Every structure is written in structure tokens, then in C-alpha cells.
N, C-alpha and C. Protein backbone atom coordinates (compact mmCIF):
# COMPACT_ATOMS: atom_id res chain seq x y z
N MET A 1 0.82 -1.25 0.03
CA MET A 1 0.11 -0.20 -0.05
C MET A 1 0.82 1.22 -0.11
N SER A 2 0.47 2.10 -1.10
CA SER A 2 1.57 3.15 -0.86
C SER A 2 0.70 4.62 -0.26
N ASN A 3 1.34 5.44 0.09
CA ASN A 3 0.68 6.86 0.74
C ASN A 3 0.59 7.84 -0.32
N THR A 4 0.08 7.46 -1.74
CA THR A 4 -0.34 8.47 -2.71
C THR A 4 -1.48 9.22 -2.38
N PRO A 5 -1.79 10.11 -3.00
CA PRO A 5 -3.08 10.89 -2.34
C PRO A 5 -4.23 10.23 -3.06
N LYS A 6 -4.33 9.86 -4.00
CA LYS A 6 -5.53 8.99 -4.39
C LYS A 6 -5.77 7.71 -3.48
N ASP A 7 -4.75 7.21 -2.74
CA ASP A 7 -5.22 5.97 -1.98
C ASP A 7 -5.32 6.56 -0.61
N LEU A 8 -5.50 7.61 -0.10
CA LEU A 8 -5.81 7.99 1.25
C LEU A 8 -6.95 8.63 1.29
N PRO A 9 -7.58 8.25 2.60
CA PRO A 9 -8.95 8.75 2.74
C PRO A 9 -9.10 9.97 2.49
N VAL A 10 -10.62 10.59 2.66
CA VAL A 10 -10.71 11.99 2.39
C VAL A 10 -10.44 12.54 3.91
N GLY A 11 -9.79 13.81 4.13
CA GLY A 11 -9.24 14.35 5.20
C GLY A 11 -7.99 14.01 5.64
N LYS A 12 -7.14 12.79 4.98
CA LYS A 12 -5.89 12.35 5.71
C LYS A 12 -4.87 12.99 4.68
N THR A 13 -3.93 13.10 5.25
CA THR A 13 -2.85 13.75 4.74
C THR A 13 -1.69 12.73 4.35
N PRO A 14 -0.75 12.72 3.42
CA PRO A 14 0.03 11.60 3.24
C PRO A 14 1.26 11.83 4.31
N VAL A 15 1.99 10.78 4.90
CA VAL A 15 2.75 10.78 5.79
C VAL A 15 4.30 10.63 5.47
N ASP A 16 5.13 11.64 5.73
CA ASP A 16 6.20 11.67 5.49
C ASP A 16 7.18 11.90 7.01
N PRO A 17 7.25 10.47 7.39
CA PRO A 17 7.65 10.68 8.90
C PRO A 17 9.30 11.12 9.18
N LYS A 18 9.19 12.16 9.82
CA LYS A 18 10.70 12.22 10.17
C LYS A 18 10.76 12.37 11.96
N TRP A 19 11.85 11.82 12.16
CA TRP A 19 12.02 11.83 13.59
C TRP A 19 12.13 12.98 14.43
N GLY A 20 11.21 13.05 15.35
CA GLY A 20 11.11 14.07 16.31
C GLY A 20 10.15 15.45 15.97
N GLU A 21 9.47 15.12 14.68
CA GLU A 21 8.65 16.23 14.21
C GLU A 21 7.30 15.66 14.17
N THR A 22 6.26 16.73 15.05
CA THR A 22 4.78 16.48 14.71
C THR A 22 3.94 17.16 13.70
N ALA A 23 3.30 16.70 13.31
CA ALA A 23 2.50 17.32 12.05
C ALA A 23 1.70 18.06 12.77
N PRO A 24 1.77 19.45 12.11
CA PRO A 24 0.70 20.51 12.40
C PRO A 24 -0.76 20.40 12.21
N ASP A 25 -1.01 19.30 11.45
CA ASP A 25 -2.59 18.82 11.28
C ASP A 25 -2.98 17.92 12.09
N HIS A 26 -1.97 17.17 12.90
CA HIS A 26 -2.43 16.09 13.52
C HIS A 26 -2.57 14.77 12.69
N LEU A 27 -1.91 14.72 11.61
CA LEU A 27 -2.25 13.75 10.42
C LEU A 27 -3.61 13.74 10.20
N GLY A 28 -4.31 14.82 10.11
CA GLY A 28 -6.00 14.48 9.72
C GLY A 28 -6.91 14.41 10.62
N TYR A 29 -6.04 14.35 11.78
CA TYR A 29 -7.36 13.93 13.25
C TYR A 29 -7.88 15.46 13.84
N ALA A 30 -8.52 15.61 14.57
CA ALA A 30 -9.02 16.61 15.13
C ALA A 30 -7.90 17.22 16.08
N SER A 31 -7.41 16.53 16.92
CA SER A 31 -6.57 16.68 18.00
C SER A 31 -5.20 15.63 18.13
N GLU A 32 -4.37 16.44 18.99
CA GLU A 32 -3.51 15.54 19.27
C GLU A 32 -3.71 14.05 20.06
N GLU A 33 -4.89 14.31 20.71
CA GLU A 33 -5.43 13.19 21.98
C GLU A 33 -6.04 12.30 20.82
N GLU A 34 -6.78 12.63 19.88
CA GLU A 34 -7.52 11.95 19.06
C GLU A 34 -6.44 10.90 17.96
N ARG A 35 -5.36 11.61 17.75
CA ARG A 35 -4.34 10.90 17.11
C ARG A 35 -3.94 9.76 17.70
N ILE A 36 -3.53 10.30 18.94
CA ILE A 36 -2.69 9.13 19.47
C ILE A 36 -3.74 8.05 19.88
N ARG A 37 -5.23 8.34 20.36
CA ARG A 37 -6.02 7.33 20.65
C ARG A 37 -6.43 6.35 19.41
N LYS A 38 -6.27 7.13 18.40
CA LYS A 38 -7.03 6.14 17.40
C LYS A 38 -5.69 5.66 16.19
N ARG A 39 -4.53 6.14 16.18
CA ARG A 39 -3.75 5.83 15.58
C ARG A 39 -2.62 5.08 16.18
N GLY A 40 -2.27 5.69 17.28
CA GLY A 40 -1.01 5.27 18.30
C GLY A 40 -0.24 6.35 18.05
N LEU A 41 1.10 5.97 18.99
CA LEU A 41 2.16 6.65 18.56
C LEU A 41 2.99 6.48 17.69
N GLU A 42 3.75 7.63 17.33
CA GLU A 42 4.79 7.48 16.23
C GLU A 42 5.86 6.58 16.68
N ASP A 43 6.80 5.86 16.36
CA ASP A 43 7.80 5.52 16.76
C ASP A 43 8.84 6.21 17.67
N TRP A 44 9.24 7.49 16.99
CA TRP A 44 10.16 8.39 18.06
C TRP A 44 9.41 8.63 19.24
N GLU A 45 8.14 8.81 19.22
CA GLU A 45 7.20 8.95 20.47
C GLU A 45 7.53 8.06 21.51
N MET A 46 7.24 6.66 20.90
CA MET A 46 7.37 5.43 21.79
C MET A 46 8.83 5.57 22.55
N VAL A 47 9.90 5.75 21.64
CA VAL A 47 11.47 5.76 22.05
C VAL A 47 11.45 6.66 23.21
N GLU A 48 10.79 8.17 22.77
CA GLU A 48 11.06 9.00 23.94
C GLU A 48 10.32 8.98 25.02
N ARG A 49 9.09 8.56 25.18
CA ARG A 49 8.24 8.00 26.65
C ARG A 49 8.53 6.69 26.95
N MET A 50 9.88 6.04 26.78
CA MET A 50 10.19 4.94 27.28
C MET A 50 10.52 5.22 28.98
N ASP A 51 11.01 6.27 29.07
CA ASP A 51 11.40 6.41 30.26
C ASP A 51 10.26 7.04 31.19
N GLN A 52 9.35 7.35 30.68
CA GLN A 52 8.08 7.63 31.54
C GLN A 52 7.24 6.19 31.74
N THR A 53 7.64 4.81 31.11
CA THR A 53 7.05 3.70 31.77
C THR A 53 7.28 3.47 33.10
N SER A 54 6.31 2.48 33.38
CA SER A 54 6.70 2.08 35.10
C SER A 54 7.90 1.14 35.13
N ASP A 55 8.54 1.01 36.32
CA ASP A 55 9.52 0.23 36.72
C ASP A 55 9.40 -0.64 37.54
N HIS A 56 8.20 -1.55 37.63
CA HIS A 56 7.96 -2.50 38.12
C HIS A 56 8.83 -3.74 38.35
N LYS A 57 9.18 -4.18 39.16
CA LYS A 57 9.84 -5.17 39.49
C LYS A 57 9.50 -6.70 39.06
N ILE A 58 10.10 -7.65 38.66
CA ILE A 58 9.50 -8.61 38.20
C ILE A 58 8.69 -9.48 39.28
N PRO A 59 7.52 -9.82 39.01
CA PRO A 59 6.60 -10.71 39.86
C PRO A 59 7.08 -11.67 40.73
N TYR A 60 6.63 -11.93 41.70
CA TYR A 60 7.24 -13.34 42.40
C TYR A 60 6.66 -14.73 41.50
N TRP A 61 5.72 -14.44 41.40
CA TRP A 61 5.05 -15.67 40.66
C TRP A 61 5.78 -16.00 39.44
N PHE A 62 6.09 -15.02 38.84
CA PHE A 62 6.95 -15.50 37.50
C PHE A 62 8.19 -15.94 37.83
N ILE A 63 8.92 -15.37 38.79
CA ILE A 63 10.05 -16.36 39.48
C ILE A 63 9.94 -17.52 39.72
N GLY A 64 8.81 -17.58 40.60
CA GLY A 64 8.43 -19.02 40.99
C GLY A 64 8.15 -20.26 39.69
N LEU A 65 7.48 -19.44 38.87
CA LEU A 65 7.35 -20.33 37.52
C LEU A 65 8.37 -20.98 36.96
N PHE A 66 9.27 -19.56 37.02
CA PHE A 66 10.73 -20.14 36.09
C PHE A 66 11.44 -20.99 36.72
N LEU A 67 11.53 -21.11 38.04
CA LEU A 67 12.34 -21.83 38.96
C LEU A 67 11.66 -23.29 39.01
N VAL A 68 10.08 -23.60 38.81
CA VAL A 68 9.53 -24.71 38.71
C VAL A 68 9.91 -25.54 37.41
N LEU A 69 9.95 -24.62 36.12
CA LEU A 69 10.29 -25.31 34.83
C LEU A 69 11.70 -25.36 34.65
N LEU A 70 12.36 -24.81 35.47
CA LEU A 70 14.02 -25.11 35.81
C LEU A 70 14.30 -26.45 36.35
N LEU A 71 13.43 -26.72 37.50
CA LEU A 71 13.59 -28.14 38.08
C LEU A 71 13.22 -28.83 37.38
N VAL A 72 12.01 -29.18 36.68
CA VAL A 72 11.51 -30.12 35.82
C VAL A 72 12.41 -30.23 34.80
N ALA A 73 12.89 -29.38 34.22
CA ALA A 73 13.97 -29.67 33.14
C ALA A 73 15.22 -30.11 33.47
N THR A 74 15.54 -29.66 34.90
CA THR A 74 16.74 -30.54 35.22
C THR A 74 16.63 -32.07 35.48
N GLY A 75 15.61 -32.23 36.07
CA GLY A 75 14.69 -33.62 36.31
C GLY A 75 14.84 -34.21 35.35
N LEU A 76 14.20 -33.67 34.38
CA LEU A 76 14.22 -34.78 32.82
C LEU A 76 15.58 -35.15 32.39
N THR A 77 16.58 -34.71 33.01
CA THR A 77 17.82 -35.08 32.46
C THR A 77 18.30 -36.30 33.37
N PHE A 78 17.70 -36.51 34.32
CA PHE A 78 18.45 -37.60 35.14
C PHE A 78 17.56 -39.09 34.65
N PRO A 79 18.29 -40.12 35.07
CA PRO A 79 18.13 -41.44 34.37
C PRO A 79 16.85 -42.00 34.62
N PHE A 80 16.26 -41.42 35.84
CA PHE A 80 15.20 -42.29 36.26
C PHE A 80 13.86 -41.68 36.02
N TRP A 81 13.76 -40.49 35.46
CA TRP A 81 12.67 -39.78 35.11
C TRP A 81 12.55 -39.12 33.66
N GLY A 82 11.62 -39.52 32.88
CA GLY A 82 11.69 -38.95 31.41
C GLY A 82 12.37 -39.75 30.26
N VAL A 83 13.03 -41.09 30.55
CA VAL A 83 13.95 -41.57 29.94
C VAL A 83 13.09 -42.83 29.63
N ARG A 84 13.12 -43.01 28.22
CA ARG A 84 12.52 -44.29 27.48
C ARG A 84 12.85 -45.62 28.07
N PRO A 85 12.11 -46.65 28.42
CA PRO A 85 12.44 -48.20 29.21
C PRO A 85 13.67 -48.53 28.25
N GLY A 86 14.77 -48.80 28.65
CA GLY A 86 15.58 -49.94 28.38
C GLY A 86 16.92 -48.84 27.74
N TYR A 87 16.76 -47.42 27.78
CA TYR A 87 17.69 -46.56 27.31
C TYR A 87 18.51 -46.05 28.68
N GLU A 88 19.66 -46.25 28.70
CA GLU A 88 20.58 -46.15 29.87
C GLU A 88 21.22 -44.77 29.59
N ARG A 89 21.27 -44.13 30.54
CA ARG A 89 21.80 -42.75 30.33
C ARG A 89 22.57 -42.49 31.63
N PRO A 90 24.10 -41.63 31.69
CA PRO A 90 24.82 -41.20 32.77
C PRO A 90 24.08 -40.23 33.70
N TRP A 91 24.51 -40.63 34.84
CA TRP A 91 23.75 -39.49 35.93
C TRP A 91 24.35 -37.94 35.59
N PHE A 92 25.04 -37.67 35.00
CA PHE A 92 25.84 -36.39 34.89
C PHE A 92 26.22 -36.24 33.26
N ASP A 93 25.52 -35.02 32.95
CA ASP A 93 25.51 -34.85 31.47
C ASP A 93 25.95 -33.29 31.48
N TRP A 94 26.59 -32.97 30.41
CA TRP A 94 27.12 -31.76 30.23
C TRP A 94 26.11 -30.64 30.06
N GLY A 95 24.93 -31.11 29.41
CA GLY A 95 23.89 -30.24 29.04
C GLY A 95 23.42 -29.60 30.46
N ILE A 96 23.50 -30.09 31.47
CA ILE A 96 23.02 -29.30 33.05
C ILE A 96 24.05 -27.93 33.24
N VAL A 97 25.48 -28.54 32.97
CA VAL A 97 26.27 -27.35 33.21
C VAL A 97 25.88 -26.16 31.89
N ALA A 98 25.74 -26.71 30.53
CA ALA A 98 25.26 -25.63 29.60
C ALA A 98 24.19 -25.12 30.05
N GLY A 99 23.13 -25.65 30.38
CA GLY A 99 21.91 -25.04 30.75
C GLY A 99 21.96 -23.92 31.96
N ALA A 100 22.88 -24.53 33.43
CA ALA A 100 23.17 -23.79 34.10
C ALA A 100 23.92 -22.35 33.80
N THR A 101 24.90 -22.48 32.89
CA THR A 101 25.29 -21.24 32.51
C THR A 101 24.61 -20.36 31.55
N TRP A 102 23.77 -20.94 30.42
CA TRP A 102 22.78 -20.16 29.93
C TRP A 102 21.96 -19.50 30.92
N VAL A 103 21.69 -19.89 31.89
CA VAL A 103 20.65 -19.33 32.78
C VAL A 103 21.22 -17.95 33.68
N VAL A 104 22.43 -18.38 33.72
CA VAL A 104 23.35 -17.14 34.63
C VAL A 104 23.65 -16.31 33.56
N VAL A 105 24.02 -16.57 32.86
CA VAL A 105 24.25 -15.44 31.42
C VAL A 105 23.37 -14.52 31.08
N MET A 106 22.28 -15.12 30.72
CA MET A 106 21.01 -14.55 30.22
C MET A 106 20.20 -13.76 31.48
N GLY A 107 20.30 -14.21 32.83
CA GLY A 107 20.11 -13.46 33.92
C GLY A 107 20.57 -12.17 33.92
N ALA A 108 22.02 -12.31 34.09
CA ALA A 108 22.76 -11.30 33.82
C ALA A 108 22.69 -10.20 32.96
N LEU A 109 22.58 -10.48 31.93
CA LEU A 109 22.26 -9.74 30.48
C LEU A 109 21.20 -9.08 30.68
N ILE A 110 19.74 -9.56 30.88
CA ILE A 110 18.31 -9.27 31.52
C ILE A 110 18.64 -8.13 32.54
N TYR A 111 19.40 -8.49 33.52
CA TYR A 111 19.46 -7.71 34.71
C TYR A 111 20.42 -6.16 34.18
N TYR A 112 21.39 -6.62 33.58
CA TYR A 112 21.96 -5.10 32.79
C TYR A 112 21.10 -4.53 31.91
N ILE A 113 20.49 -5.10 31.12
CA ILE A 113 19.52 -4.32 30.00
C ILE A 113 18.37 -3.33 30.77
N VAL A 114 17.82 -4.09 32.12
CA VAL A 114 16.72 -3.46 32.57
C VAL A 114 17.50 -2.48 33.74
N ASP A 115 18.54 -2.88 34.39
CA ASP A 115 19.11 -1.76 35.12
C ASP A 115 20.02 -0.55 34.42
N TYR A 116 20.23 -0.75 33.37
CA TYR A 116 21.23 0.26 32.45
C TYR A 116 20.21 1.58 32.18
N ARG A 117 19.04 1.44 32.06
CA ARG A 117 18.33 2.53 31.94
C ARG A 117 18.29 3.50 33.29
N LYS A 118 17.93 2.83 34.24
CA LYS A 118 18.13 3.32 35.73
C LYS A 118 19.52 4.04 35.85
N VAL A 119 20.64 3.29 35.56
CA VAL A 119 21.94 3.93 35.57
C VAL A 119 22.16 5.02 35.19
N ARG A 120 21.66 4.81 33.79
CA ARG A 120 22.01 6.26 32.69
C ARG A 120 21.12 7.43 33.15
N ALA A 121 19.96 7.15 33.70
CA ALA A 121 19.03 8.49 34.28
C ALA A 121 19.97 8.86 35.44
N ASP A 122 20.21 8.05 36.28
CA ASP A 122 20.90 8.62 37.62
C ASP A 122 22.25 9.19 36.82
N LYS A 123 22.85 8.88 36.12
CA LYS A 123 24.25 9.78 35.59
C LYS A 123 23.52 11.06 34.87
N LYS A 124 22.58 10.97 34.40
CA LYS A 124 22.06 12.14 33.79
C LYS A 124 21.81 13.13 34.98
N GLU A 125 21.05 12.82 35.72
CA GLU A 125 20.61 13.86 36.81
C GLU A 125 21.67 14.34 37.56
N LYS A 126 22.95 13.42 37.93
CA LYS A 126 23.95 13.97 38.54
C LYS A 126 24.88 14.86 37.62
N ALA A 127 25.02 14.74 36.31
CA ALA A 127 25.57 15.87 35.34
C ALA A 127 24.73 16.99 35.13
N ALA A 128 23.05 16.76 35.15
CA ALA A 128 22.53 18.14 35.39
C ALA A 128 22.75 18.78 36.38
N LYS A 129 22.83 18.11 37.83
CA LYS A 129 22.91 18.84 38.99
C LYS A 129 24.25 19.54 38.83
N GLN A 130 25.49 18.71 38.73
CA GLN A 130 26.74 19.10 38.40
C GLN A 130 26.95 20.71 37.53
N HIS A 131 26.30 20.46 36.37
CA HIS A 131 25.94 21.54 35.32
C HIS A 131 25.36 23.01 36.02
N GLN A 132 24.23 22.57 36.81
CA GLN A 132 23.33 23.56 37.51
C GLN A 132 24.09 24.04 38.32
N GLY A 133 25.08 23.40 39.40
CA GLY A 133 25.87 23.84 40.36
C GLY A 133 26.67 24.90 39.68
N ALA A 134 27.53 24.29 38.68
CA ALA A 134 28.61 25.35 37.82
C ALA A 134 28.14 26.78 37.35
N ALA A 135 26.71 26.07 36.84
CA ALA A 135 26.34 27.60 36.00
C ALA A 135 25.73 28.73 37.14
N SER A 136 25.55 28.09 38.49
CA SER A 136 25.15 29.18 39.32
C SER A 136 26.42 29.72 40.16
N ALA A 137 27.51 28.97 40.04
CA ALA A 137 28.94 29.56 40.51
C ALA A 137 29.45 30.54 39.47
N ALA A 138 29.14 29.86 38.20
CA ALA A 138 29.63 31.52 37.26
C ALA A 138 28.67 32.33 37.16
N LYS A 139 27.51 32.22 37.62
CA LYS A 139 26.84 33.44 37.85
C LYS A 139 26.86 34.34 38.91
N SER A 140 27.34 33.61 40.11
CA SER A 140 27.39 34.29 41.24
C SER A 140 28.91 35.19 41.01
N GLY A 141 29.57 34.70 40.27
CA GLY A 141 30.99 34.81 40.16
C GLY A 141 31.03 36.10 38.86
N GLN A 142 29.90 36.00 38.38
CA GLN A 142 29.73 37.40 37.19
C GLN A 142 28.89 38.55 37.98
N GLU A 143 28.40 38.24 39.08
CA GLU A 143 28.05 39.24 40.01
C GLU A 143 28.70 40.26 40.71
N THR A 144 29.77 39.18 41.25
CA THR A 144 30.73 40.24 42.11
C THR A 144 31.76 40.50 41.34
N ALA A 145 32.12 40.15 40.03
CA ALA A 145 33.16 40.66 39.36
C ALA A 145 33.07 42.23 39.04
N PRO A 146 32.23 42.81 38.84
CA PRO A 146 31.67 44.16 38.27
C PRO A 146 32.10 44.97 39.60
N GLU A 147 32.07 44.62 40.82
CA GLU A 147 32.17 45.34 42.06
C GLU A 147 33.69 45.28 42.40
N ASP A 148 34.45 44.25 41.88
CA ASP A 148 35.74 44.13 42.27
C ASP A 148 36.80 45.12 41.47
N THR A 149 35.98 45.33 40.21
CA THR A 149 37.00 46.38 39.30
C THR A 149 36.56 47.86 39.51
N PRO A 150 37.66 48.60 39.16
CA PRO A 150 37.60 50.17 39.59
C PRO A 150 37.06 50.41 38.53
């Protein structure tokens, strides 16, 4: 489907998306709120509003479900459960080690990805405070400088 004028419904304008720009005509909707309600957010709007989303922790039931599934998966590797009759398996399998390594590495990666946004926001806040403190110090220095000069 193309965005040529003949393909557009009456009252709608062709979309030429540019990052960070809002259309003055609200893309043919009566208001910005109506555009968001009916059309949704543009990609750049979603990215900019990511910091405004909730930072709820992972629910305990989800962690519990994951641990139960992990225990069942580990149990299925043992020779007394989940093995066809007559098929001999060793007690130790390197798949358990590989699975445990995968869980630890992916858990650390997910923790880093989730926590990175908070760390980045804290760094921005700290930098803003330092910048604000330096600006106020420079401003107070400028106010006293003319008095010292003859």
C-alpha cells in the first residue's frame, strides 16, 4: 500500500515521517489526543516515552514459575525420570552445566539491560546537578566581578 494522495481517505494527509517532528495538522485528526487514541504513537514518540513507563519489579509468581520449569527441565535429564525404557543414561550430563551457564549469563544480561536505563538516568541527573551548580557558581562569580573592578 502506498501513501499516494489517491489512496488516502478524505481528510487524511500523506505521511512523511521525520524523527522528532509532529505534524501541525495532527495527521488529519481533530486533535493530538484523538490521533494518539486512534492511530497510536509514532516510533520516535514511543522511544522518547520509554523513560516514563513503569519500573515495576518482576513479579514473584513469574520467578517461581521459572524456577519450577527449571527444576522440571533438570529432573528430566536424570536417568530415572523421562527416559524411555531400556535406554541407559549417565547421571551427569554436560547439558546441565550448559543450561546453568545459559541461565546465569542470560539473567545477568537481562539484569544489565533492565538496570542500564536506571543507571543512565541517575548519571544524567547527576550531570544536570553538576551543570546547574557550575552555572550558578559562574553566575555568582559574574555578579561579584564588576564590584571588584575599579
